[in-house]
C-alpha atoms as a PDB file:
ATOM      1  CA  MET A   1     131.959  88.661 113.542  1.00  0.00           C
ATOM      2  CA  SER A   2     131.153  90.264 116.906  1.00  0.00           C
ATOM      3  CA  GLY A   3     127.472  89.564 116.334  1.00  0.00           C
ATOM      4  CA  PHE A   4     128.233  85.908 115.728  1.00  0.00           C
ATOM      5  CA  LEU A   5     130.393  85.660 118.841  1.00  0.00           C
ATOM      6  CA  ASN A   6     127.635  87.239 120.923  1.00  0.00           C
ATOM      7  CA  SER A   7     124.959  84.832 119.649  1.00  0.00           C
ATOM      8  CA  THR A   8     123.644  81.942 121.724  1.00  0.00           C
ATOM      9  CA  ILE A   9     124.563  79.481 118.961  1.00  0.00           C
ATOM     10  CA  ALA A  10     128.166  80.691 118.973  1.00  0.00           C
ATOM     11  CA  ARG A  11     128.366  80.427 122.754  1.00  0.00           C
ATOM     12  CA  LYS A  12     127.010  76.873 122.687  1.00  0.00           C
ATOM     13  CA  PHE A  13     129.467  75.936 119.940  1.00  0.00           C
ATOM     14  CA  ALA A  14     132.394  77.420 121.880  1.00  0.00           C
ATOM     15  CA  MET A  15     131.278  75.723 125.079  1.00  0.00           C
ATOM     16  CA  ALA A  16     130.913  72.369 123.265  1.00  0.00           C
ATOM     17  CA  LEU A  17     134.400  72.734 121.770  1.00  0.00           C
ATOM     18  CA  SER A  18     135.954  73.532 125.148  1.00  0.00           C
ATOM     19  CA  GLY A  19     134.035  70.619 126.701  1.00  0.00           C
ATOM     20  CA  LEU A  20     135.402  68.163 124.126  1.00  0.00           C
ATOM     21  CA  PHE A  21     138.910  69.456 124.802  1.00  0.00           C
ATOM     22  CA  LEU A  22     138.422  68.807 128.530  1.00  0.00           C
ATOM     23  CA  VAL A  23     137.069  65.326 127.820  1.00  0.00           C
ATOM     24  CA  ILE A  24     140.277  64.489 125.912  1.00  0.00           C
ATOM     25  CA  PHE A  25     142.370  65.791 128.803  1.00  0.00           C
ATOM     26  CA  LEU A  26     140.285  63.763 131.266  1.00  0.00           C
ATOM     27  CA  ALA A  27     141.052  60.554 129.374  1.00  0.00           C
ATOM     28  CA  GLN A  28     144.765  61.350 129.317  1.00  0.00           C
ATOM     29  CA  HIS A  29     144.677  62.190 133.039  1.00  0.00           C
ATOM     30  CA  PHE A  30     142.933  58.894 133.788  1.00  0.00           C
ATOM     31  CA  PHE A  31     145.360  56.728 131.812  1.00  0.00           C
ATOM     32  CA  ILE A  32     148.300  58.243 133.695  1.00  0.00           C
ATOM     33  CA  ASN A  33     146.613  57.945 137.099  1.00  0.00           C
ATOM     34  CA  ILE A  34     145.526  54.342 136.611  1.00  0.00           C
ATOM     35  CA  THR A  35     149.189  53.344 136.333  1.00  0.00           C
ATOM     36  CA  SER A  36     149.505  54.217 140.045  1.00  0.00           C
ATOM     37  CA  VAL A  37     147.415  51.106 140.780  1.00  0.00           C
ATOM     38  CA  PHE A  38     149.763  48.782 138.885  1.00  0.00           C
ATOM     39  CA  SER A  39     153.218  50.341 139.139  1.00  0.00           C
ATOM     40  CA  ALA A  40     154.489  53.126 141.376  1.00  0.00           C
ATOM     41  CA  GLU A  41     157.598  53.403 139.186  1.00  0.00           C
ATOM     42  CA  THR A  42     155.616  53.868 135.976  1.00  0.00           C
ATOM     43  CA  PHE A  43     153.340  56.430 137.618  1.00  0.00           C
ATOM     44  CA  ASN A  44     156.356  58.338 138.926  1.00  0.00           C
ATOM     45  CA  GLU A  45     157.967  58.378 135.487  1.00  0.00           C
ATOM     46  CA  PHE A  46     154.804  59.608 133.769  1.00  0.00           C
ATOM     47  CA  SER A  47     154.211  62.230 136.461  1.00  0.00           C
ATOM     48  CA  HIS A  48     157.792  63.490 136.324  1.00  0.00           C
ATOM     49  CA  PHE A  49     157.658  63.796 132.545  1.00  0.00           C
ATOM     50  CA  MET A  50     154.350  65.700 132.657  1.00  0.00           C
ATOM     51  CA  GLY A  51     155.624  67.882 135.486  1.00  0.00           C
ATOM     52  CA  THR A  52     158.910  68.882 133.867  1.00  0.00           C
ATOM     53  CA  ASN A  53     158.255  68.806 130.113  1.00  0.00           C
ATOM     54  CA  GLY A  54     158.440  72.356 128.749  1.00  0.00           C
ATOM     55  CA  PHE A  55     155.584  71.964 126.263  1.00  0.00           C
ATOM     56  CA  VAL A  56     153.284  70.500 128.897  1.00  0.00           C
ATOM     57  CA  GLN A  57     154.138  73.119 131.516  1.00  0.00           C
ATOM     58  CA  TYR A  58     154.244  76.276 129.411  1.00  0.00           C
ATOM     59  CA  VAL A  59     151.851  75.522 126.544  1.00  0.00           C
ATOM     60  CA  ALA A  60     149.431  72.688 127.351  1.00  0.00           C
ATOM     61  CA  GLN A  61     148.903  73.606 131.018  1.00  0.00           C
ATOM     62  CA  PRO A  62     147.930  77.263 130.405  1.00  0.00           C
ATOM     63  CA  ILE A  63     145.602  76.146 127.598  1.00  0.00           C
ATOM     64  CA  LEU A  64     144.031  73.609 129.945  1.00  0.00           C
ATOM     65  CA  ILE A  65     143.483  76.186 132.695  1.00  0.00           C
ATOM     66  CA  PHE A  66     141.975  78.597 130.171  1.00  0.00           C
ATOM     67  CA  GLY A  67     139.729  75.798 128.844  1.00  0.00           C
ATOM     68  CA  VAL A  68     138.458  74.965 132.345  1.00  0.00           C
ATOM     69  CA  VAL A  69     137.728  78.605 133.215  1.00  0.00           C
ATOM     70  CA  PHE A  70     136.171  79.318 129.823  1.00  0.00           C
ATOM     71  CA  HIS A  71     133.931  76.232 129.922  1.00  0.00           C
ATOM     72  CA  PHE A  72     132.517  76.976 133.359  1.00  0.00           C
ATOM     73  CA  VAL A  73     132.089  80.723 132.766  1.00  0.00           C
ATOM     74  CA  MET A  74     130.327  80.068 129.456  1.00  0.00           C
ATOM     75  CA  GLY A  75     128.117  77.468 131.132  1.00  0.00           C
ATOM     76  CA  PHE A  76     126.990  79.899 133.811  1.00  0.00           C
ATOM     77  CA  VAL A  77     126.417  82.649 131.213  1.00  0.00           C
ATOM     78  CA  LEU A  78     124.254  80.365 129.082  1.00  0.00           C
ATOM     79  CA  GLU A  79     122.287  79.196 132.126  1.00  0.00           C
ATOM     80  CA  ILE A  80     121.543  82.781 133.205  1.00  0.00           C
ATOM     81  CA  LYS A  81     120.430  83.733 129.689  1.00  0.00           C
ATOM     82  CA  ASN A  82     118.246  80.631 129.381  1.00  0.00           C
ATOM     83  CA  ARG A  83     116.565  81.342 132.721  1.00  0.00           C
ATOM     84  CA  ASN A  84     115.929  84.956 131.769  1.00  0.00           C
ATOM     85  CA  ALA A  85     114.426  83.826 128.452  1.00  0.00           C
ATOM     86  CA  ARG A  86     112.029  81.455 130.265  1.00  0.00           C
ATOM     87  CA  LYS A  87     110.761  83.948 132.825  1.00  0.00           C
ATOM     88  CA  ILE A  88     107.549  84.715 130.948  1.00  0.00           C
ATOM     89  CA  SER A  89     106.684  81.145 129.986  1.00  0.00           C
ATOM     90  CA  TYR A  90     108.238  79.356 132.947  1.00  0.00           C
ATOM     91  CA  ALA A  91     104.861  78.678 134.611  1.00  0.00           C
ATOM     92  CA  ARG A  92     103.826  76.644 131.573  1.00  0.00           C
ATOM     93  CA  TYR A  93     107.142  74.827 131.265  1.00  0.00           C
ATOM     94  CA  ASN A  94     107.088  71.207 132.359  1.00  0.00           C
ATOM     95  CA  GLY A  95     110.786  70.399 132.527  1.00  0.00           C
ATOM     96  CA  SER A  96     110.432  66.759 133.558  1.00  0.00           C
ATOM     97  CA  ALA A  97     108.230  66.059 130.548  1.00  0.00           C
ATOM     98  CA  ASN A  98     110.558  67.691 128.004  1.00  0.00           C
ATOM     99  CA  SER A  99     114.073  66.929 129.215  1.00  0.00           C
ATOM    100  CA  SER A 100     116.058  64.628 131.456  1.00  0.00           C
ATOM    101  CA  TRP A 101     117.027  65.405 135.036  1.00  0.00           C
ATOM    102  CA  MET A 102     120.661  65.659 133.975  1.00  0.00           C
ATOM    103  CA  SER A 103     120.014  68.225 131.257  1.00  0.00           C
ATOM    104  CA  ARG A 104     117.897  70.354 133.614  1.00  0.00           C
ATOM    105  CA  ASN A 105     120.543  70.347 136.347  1.00  0.00           C
ATOM    106  CA  MET A 106     123.791  70.786 134.415  1.00  0.00           C
ATOM    107  CA  ILE A 107     124.408  74.066 136.244  1.00  0.00           C
ATOM    108  CA  TYR A 108     124.335  72.312 139.643  1.00  0.00           C
ATOM    109  CA  SER A 109     126.490  69.349 138.651  1.00  0.00           C
ATOM    110  CA  GLY A 110     128.872  71.792 136.951  1.00  0.00           C
ATOM    111  CA  GLY A 111     128.995  73.979 140.056  1.00  0.00           C
ATOM    112  CA  PHE A 112     129.886  71.050 142.296  1.00  0.00           C
ATOM    113  CA  ILE A 113     132.537  69.881 139.823  1.00  0.00           C
ATOM    114  CA  LEU A 114     134.033  73.382 139.874  1.00  0.00           C
ATOM    115  CA  ILE A 115     134.288  73.266 143.685  1.00  0.00           C
ATOM    116  CA  PHE A 116     135.791  69.784 143.413  1.00  0.00           C
ATOM    117  CA  LEU A 117     138.360  70.996 140.868  1.00  0.00           C
ATOM    118  CA  VAL A 118     139.415  73.835 143.150  1.00  0.00           C
ATOM    119  CA  ILE A 119     140.021  71.319 145.977  1.00  0.00           C
ATOM    120  CA  HIS A 120     141.836  69.000 143.567  1.00  0.00           C
ATOM    121  CA  PHE A 121     144.086  71.857 142.450  1.00  0.00           C
ATOM    122  CA  ILE A 122     144.844  72.701 146.075  1.00  0.00           C
ATOM    123  CA  ASP A 123     145.664  69.042 146.797  1.00  0.00           C
ATOM    124  CA  PHE A 124     147.947  68.374 143.845  1.00  0.00           C
ATOM    125  CA  TRP A 125     148.590  71.287 141.471  1.00  0.00           C
ATOM    126  CA  VAL A 126     149.363  74.060 143.978  1.00  0.00           C
ATOM    127  CA  PRO A 127     151.977  72.025 145.938  1.00  0.00           C
ATOM    128  CA  GLU A 128     153.711  71.083 142.670  1.00  0.00           C
ATOM    129  CA  ILE A 129     153.751  74.699 141.470  1.00  0.00           C
ATOM    130  CA  ASN A 130     155.177  75.763 144.829  1.00  0.00           C
ATOM    131  CA  ILE A 131     157.952  73.154 144.770  1.00  0.00           C
ATOM    132  CA  LYS A 132     158.917  73.651 141.124  1.00  0.00           C
ATOM    133  CA  PHE A 133     158.557  77.386 140.609  1.00  0.00           C
ATOM    134  CA  ILE A 134     158.741  78.943 144.088  1.00  0.00           C
ATOM    135  CA  GLU A 135     161.335  76.666 145.682  1.00  0.00           C
ATOM    136  CA  GLY A 136     162.977  76.017 142.320  1.00  0.00           C
ATOM    137  CA  ASP A 137     163.205  72.242 142.724  1.00  0.00           C
ATOM    138  CA  MET A 138     162.535  70.504 139.396  1.00  0.00           C
ATOM    139  CA  SER A 139     164.055  67.158 140.445  1.00  0.00           C
ATOM    140  CA  GLY A 140     160.786  65.599 141.589  1.00  0.00           C
ATOM    141  CA  LEU A 141     162.653  63.916 144.443  1.00  0.00           C
ATOM    142  CA  ASP A 142     161.820  63.810 148.138  1.00  0.00           C
ATOM    143  CA  ALA A 143     164.278  64.065 151.021  1.00  0.00           C
ATOM    144  CA  ALA A 144     165.145  60.366 150.655  1.00  0.00           C
ATOM    145  CA  GLY A 145     166.012  60.776 146.979  1.00  0.00           C
ATOM    146  CA  ASN A 146     162.888  59.046 145.634  1.00  0.00           C
ATOM    147  CA  TYR A 147     160.261  60.453 143.305  1.00  0.00           C
ATOM    148  CA  ARG A 148     157.583  62.055 145.474  1.00  0.00           C
ATOM    149  CA  TYR A 149     154.547  61.721 143.154  1.00  0.00           C
ATOM    150  CA  TYR A 150     153.293  58.253 144.069  1.00  0.00           C
ATOM    151  CA  ASP A 151     153.682  58.769 147.823  1.00  0.00           C
ATOM    152  CA  HIS A 152     151.850  62.088 147.567  1.00  0.00           C
ATOM    153  CA  VAL A 153     148.875  60.405 145.902  1.00  0.00           C
ATOM    154  CA  VAL A 154     148.764  57.608 148.475  1.00  0.00           C
ATOM    155  CA  HIS A 155     148.947  59.997 151.439  1.00  0.00           C
ATOM    156  CA  SER A 156     146.294  62.246 149.906  1.00  0.00           C
ATOM    157  CA  PHE A 157     143.737  59.433 149.947  1.00  0.00           C
ATOM    158  CA  GLU A 158     144.448  58.298 153.506  1.00  0.00           C
ATOM    159  CA  PRO A 159     141.713  60.521 155.090  1.00  0.00           C
ATOM    160  CA  ILE A 160     138.247  59.037 154.583  1.00  0.00           C
ATOM    161  CA  TRP A 161     136.696  62.490 154.115  1.00  0.00           C
ATOM    162  CA  ARG A 162     138.900  63.264 151.123  1.00  0.00           C
ATOM    163  CA  THR A 163     138.232  59.874 149.544  1.00  0.00           C
ATOM    164  CA  VAL A 164     134.471  60.359 149.950  1.00  0.00           C
ATOM    165  CA  LEU A 165     134.744  63.876 148.523  1.00  0.00           C
ATOM    166  CA  TYR A 166     136.513  62.558 145.453  1.00  0.00           C
ATOM    167  CA  ILE A 167     133.961  59.784 144.994  1.00  0.00           C
ATOM    168  CA  VAL A 168     131.064  62.262 145.170  1.00  0.00           C
ATOM    169  CA  GLY A 169     132.932  64.572 142.808  1.00  0.00           C
ATOM    170  CA  PHE A 170     133.321  61.829 140.213  1.00  0.00           C
ATOM    171  CA  VAL A 171     129.665  60.799 140.566  1.00  0.00           C
ATOM    172  CA  PHE A 172     128.684  64.374 139.691  1.00  0.00           C
ATOM    173  CA  LEU A 173     131.197  64.305 136.844  1.00  0.00           C
ATOM    174  CA  ALA A 174     129.525  61.174 135.458  1.00  0.00           C
ATOM    175  CA  LEU A 175     126.097  62.811 135.646  1.00  0.00           C
ATOM    176  CA  HIS A 176     127.463  65.916 133.948  1.00  0.00           C
ATOM    177  CA  LEU A 177     129.170  63.947 131.186  1.00  0.00           C
ATOM    178  CA  ILE A 178     126.207  61.668 130.443  1.00  0.00           C
ATOM    179  CA  HIS A 179     124.332  64.656 129.062  1.00  0.00           C
ATOM    180  CA  GLY A 180     127.136  67.100 128.276  1.00  0.00           C
ATOM    181  CA  PHE A 181     129.455  64.888 126.225  1.00  0.00           C
ATOM    182  CA  GLN A 182     126.795  63.774 123.783  1.00  0.00           C
ATOM    183  CA  SER A 183     125.119  67.191 123.569  1.00  0.00           C
ATOM    184  CA  SER A 184     128.492  68.761 122.671  1.00  0.00           C
ATOM    185  CA  PHE A 185     128.390  66.969 119.329  1.00  0.00           C
ATOM    186  CA  GLN A 186     124.803  68.113 118.761  1.00  0.00           C
ATOM    187  CA  SER A 187     125.800  71.718 119.461  1.00  0.00           C
ATOM    188  CA  MET A 188     128.518  71.375 116.827  1.00  0.00           C
ATOM    189  CA  GLY A 189     126.013  70.110 114.259  1.00  0.00           C
ATOM    190  CA  PHE A 190     126.938  66.418 114.361  1.00  0.00           C
ATOM    191  CA  ASN A 191     123.660  64.701 113.564  1.00  0.00           C
ATOM    192  CA  ASN A 192     123.816  61.803 111.109  1.00  0.00           C
ATOM    193  CA  LYS A 193     123.528  58.012 110.857  1.00  0.00           C
ATOM    194  CA  TYR A 194     126.337  57.598 113.388  1.00  0.00           C
ATOM    195  CA  SER A 195     124.541  59.597 116.108  1.00  0.00           C
ATOM    196  CA  LYS A 196     123.141  56.498 117.835  1.00  0.00           C
ATOM    197  CA  ALA A 197     126.555  54.827 118.028  1.00  0.00           C
ATOM    198  CA  LEU A 198     128.099  58.095 119.201  1.00  0.00           C
ATOM    199  CA  LYS A 199     125.521  58.372 121.987  1.00  0.00           C
ATOM    200  CA  GLY A 200     126.413  54.855 123.126  1.00  0.00           C
ATOM    201  CA  PHE A 201     130.121  55.731 123.141  1.00  0.00           C
ATOM    202  CA  THR A 202     129.661  58.998 125.053  1.00  0.00           C
ATOM    203  CA  THR A 203     127.422  57.297 127.626  1.00  0.00           C
ATOM    204  CA  ALA A 204     129.962  54.510 128.140  1.00  0.00           C
ATOM    205  CA  TYR A 205     132.768  57.057 128.482  1.00  0.00           C
ATOM    206  CA  ALA A 206     130.734  59.113 130.964  1.00  0.00           C
ATOM    207  CA  ILE A 207     130.309  56.054 133.194  1.00  0.00           C
ATOM    208  CA  ILE A 208     133.588  54.162 132.775  1.00  0.00           C
ATOM    209  CA  ILE A 209     136.078  57.031 133.219  1.00  0.00           C
ATOM    210  CA  PRO A 210     134.553  58.414 136.458  1.00  0.00           C
ATOM    211  CA  LEU A 211     134.206  54.854 137.796  1.00  0.00           C
ATOM    212  CA  GLY A 212     137.878  54.369 137.007  1.00  0.00           C
ATOM    213  CA  PHE A 213     138.810  57.434 139.027  1.00  0.00           C
ATOM    214  CA  ILE A 214     136.617  56.219 141.905  1.00  0.00           C
ATOM    215  CA  PHE A 215     138.421  52.867 141.776  1.00  0.00           C
ATOM    216  CA  ILE A 216     141.798  54.657 141.982  1.00  0.00           C
ATOM    217  CA  ALA A 217     140.696  56.685 145.018  1.00  0.00           C
ATOM    218  CA  LEU A 218     139.314  53.624 146.813  1.00  0.00           C
ATOM    219  CA  TYR A 219     142.356  51.526 145.950  1.00  0.00           C
ATOM    220  CA  HIS A 220     144.789  53.994 147.495  1.00  0.00           C
ATOM    221  CA  HIS A 221     142.563  54.597 150.499  1.00  0.00           C
ATOM    222  CA  LEU A 222     142.226  50.903 151.276  1.00  0.00           C
ATOM    223  CA  ASN A 223     145.843  50.010 150.553  1.00  0.00           C
END
């Protein structure tokens, strides 16, 4: 068992599985956030439920954090091992002729996304953790007695630098997903007559979801 877990195939499989888990979370995160464009009340209700539900807070959230850390650590480990394996033959390797730009630069897009996630956590997750678990306020209400979630999002996107940062972050996410989402299924052995349709779906997802997040950021910045 330990030999299997230490193999490159096992690492790729585990990384693909964690990546698919994060893709599912990303879709859920998007569908909640997009409600902030149409209804502040609906967004507040969704946010309060997610922020106070015991299962979400004490089961799903730790699993999500573990999945994020695991995915990025495994990605960097695989990149280091792949580079070490190519040292001897690297001079004869023509990357542009054998793979796409996105597949050759997953480590860089992933690294930028990691930095972006840290900033995102500081913007939204850390303040919520402080209010709920340090100050002990689980009400979700501000000083005026209104839910604070929608106003926090709007104020966060007021500075142009933060809006631009988020846009760039989601562009890198799209580039990362265009290759990573589809290759996750390949790493898990999914290769059959539905592969072409699956590639179309993963490409559409990789473009539409990040564009949706960019739209949300721009909407709140401009309004």
